[in-house]
Amino acid sequence: MQESSRGMEKKILFSFFFLFHKVLRL
């Protein structure tokens, strides 16, 4: 269960970073 939570957190962080980069590029 802990591994799943960690994986989800990493995915969310990656998604957030991607969104931030997209906004910066705009």
PDB file of N, CA and C in Angstrom:
ATOM      1  N   MET A   1       0.850  -1.209   0.000  1.00  0.00           N
ATOM      2  CA  MET A   1       0.000   0.000   0.000  1.00  0.00           C
ATOM      3  C   MET A   1       0.887   1.263   0.000  1.00  0.00           C
ATOM      4  N   GLN A   2       1.955   1.199   0.766  1.00  0.00           N
ATOM      5  CA  GLN A   2       2.840   2.377   0.830  1.00  0.00           C
ATOM      6  C   GLN A   2       3.455   2.650  -0.540  1.00  0.00           C
ATOM      7  N   GLU A   3       3.838   1.587  -1.233  1.00  0.00           N
ATOM      8  CA  GLU A   3       4.458   1.758  -2.551  1.00  0.00           C
ATOM      9  C   GLU A   3       3.476   2.438  -3.508  1.00  0.00           C
ATOM     10  N   SER A   4       2.230   2.046  -3.431  1.00  0.00           N
ATOM     11  CA  SER A   4       1.200   2.630  -4.334  1.00  0.00           C
ATOM     12  C   SER A   4       1.055   4.129  -4.045  1.00  0.00           C
ATOM     13  N   SER A   5       1.034   4.457  -2.766  1.00  0.00           N
ATOM     14  CA  SER A   5       0.879   5.877  -2.384  1.00  0.00           C
ATOM     15  C   SER A   5       2.077   6.673  -2.907  1.00  0.00           C
ATOM     16  N   ARG A   6       3.245   6.087  -2.785  1.00  0.00           N
ATOM     17  CA  ARG A   6       4.458   6.784  -3.213  1.00  0.00           C
ATOM     18  C   ARG A   6       4.400   6.974  -4.739  1.00  0.00           C
ATOM     19  N   GLY A   7       4.005   5.955  -5.436  1.00  0.00           N
ATOM     20  CA  GLY A   7       3.936   6.045  -6.903  1.00  0.00           C
ATOM     21  C   GLY A   7       2.957   7.129  -7.326  1.00  0.00           C
ATOM     22  N   MET A   8       1.831   7.189  -6.661  1.00  0.00           N
ATOM     23  CA  MET A   8       0.811   8.185  -7.016  1.00  0.00           C
ATOM     24  C   MET A   8       1.368   9.592  -6.748  1.00  0.00           C
ATOM     25  N   GLU A   9       2.045   9.748  -5.627  1.00  0.00           N
ATOM     26  CA  GLU A   9       2.595  11.081  -5.285  1.00  0.00           C
ATOM     27  C   GLU A   9       3.606  11.509  -6.358  1.00  0.00           C
ATOM     28  N   LYS A  10       4.417  10.554  -6.795  1.00  0.00           N
ATOM     29  CA  LYS A  10       5.435  10.885  -7.801  1.00  0.00           C
ATOM     30  C   LYS A  10       4.745  11.288  -9.111  1.00  0.00           C
ATOM     31  N   LYS A  11       3.673  10.581  -9.443  1.00  0.00           N
ATOM     32  CA  LYS A  11       2.955  10.880 -10.696  1.00  0.00           C
ATOM     33  C   LYS A  11       2.346  12.278 -10.605  1.00  0.00           C
ATOM     34  N   ILE A  12       1.768  12.601  -9.469  1.00  0.00           N
ATOM     35  CA  ILE A  12       1.144  13.924  -9.281  1.00  0.00           C
ATOM     36  C   ILE A  12       2.207  15.009  -9.387  1.00  0.00           C
ATOM     37  N   LEU A  13       3.359  14.755  -8.773  1.00  0.00           N
ATOM     38  CA  LEU A  13       4.435  15.755  -8.804  1.00  0.00           C
ATOM     39  C   LEU A  13       4.898  15.959 -10.243  1.00  0.00           C
ATOM     40  N   PHE A  14       5.029  14.864 -10.963  1.00  0.00           N
ATOM     41  CA  PHE A  14       5.478  14.955 -12.366  1.00  0.00           C
ATOM     42  C   PHE A  14       4.458  15.748 -13.185  1.00  0.00           C
ATOM     43  N   SER A  15       3.188  15.459 -12.938  1.00  0.00           N
ATOM     44  CA  SER A  15       2.112  16.151 -13.687  1.00  0.00           C
ATOM     45  C   SER A  15       2.154  17.645 -13.373  1.00  0.00           C
ATOM     46  N   PHE A  16       2.338  17.967 -12.105  1.00  0.00           N
ATOM     47  CA  PHE A  16       2.378  19.372 -11.689  1.00  0.00           C
ATOM     48  C   PHE A  16       3.560  20.080 -12.352  1.00  0.00           C
ATOM     49  N   PHE A  17       4.699  19.394 -12.366  1.00  0.00           N
ATOM     50  CA  PHE A  17       5.906  19.984 -12.956  1.00  0.00           C
ATOM     51  C   PHE A  17       5.676  20.239 -14.447  1.00  0.00           C
ATOM     52  N   PHE A  18       5.048  19.276 -15.099  1.00  0.00           N
ATOM     53  CA  PHE A  18       4.780  19.415 -16.544  1.00  0.00           C
ATOM     54  C   PHE A  18       3.858  20.612 -16.794  1.00  0.00           C
ATOM     55  N   LEU A  19       2.853  20.735 -15.960  1.00  0.00           N
ATOM     56  CA  LEU A  19       1.901  21.848 -16.117  1.00  0.00           C
ATOM     57  C   LEU A  19       2.619  23.175 -15.903  1.00  0.00           C
ATOM     58  N   PHE A  20       3.454  23.214 -14.892  1.00  0.00           N
ATOM     59  CA  PHE A  20       4.197  24.447 -14.588  1.00  0.00           C
ATOM     60  C   PHE A  20       5.100  24.827 -15.764  1.00  0.00           C
ATOM     61  N   HIS A  21       5.761  23.819 -16.316  1.00  0.00           N
ATOM     62  CA  HIS A  21       6.661  24.063 -17.454  1.00  0.00           C
ATOM     63  C   HIS A  21       5.866  24.588 -18.653  1.00  0.00           C
ATOM     64  N   LYS A  22       4.690  24.024 -18.841  1.00  0.00           N
ATOM     65  CA  LYS A  22       3.847  24.452 -19.973  1.00  0.00           C
ATOM     66  C   LYS A  22       3.443  25.913 -19.787  1.00  0.00           C
ATOM     67  N   VAL A  23       3.085  26.260 -18.579  1.00  0.00           N
ATOM     68  CA  VAL A  23       2.664  27.646 -18.297  1.00  0.00           C
ATOM     69  C   VAL A  23       3.852  28.586 -18.503  1.00  0.00           C
ATOM     70  N   LEU A  24       5.012  28.137 -18.065  1.00  0.00           N
ATOM     71  CA  LEU A  24       6.213  28.978 -18.200  1.00  0.00           C
ATOM     72  C   LEU A  24       6.514  29.206 -19.682  1.00  0.00           C
ATOM     73  N   ARG A  25       6.337  28.164 -20.465  1.00  0.00           N
ATOM     74  CA  ARG A  25       6.629  28.252 -21.895  1.00  0.00           C
ATOM     75  C   ARG A  25       5.641  29.234 -22.544  1.00  0.00           C
ATOM     76  N   LEU A  26       4.436  29.261 -22.021  1.00  0.00           N
ATOM     77  CA  LEU A  26       3.406  30.139 -22.599  1.00  0.00           C
ATOM     78  C   LEU A  26       3.822  31.583 -22.340  1.00  0.00           C
TER      79      LEU A  26
END
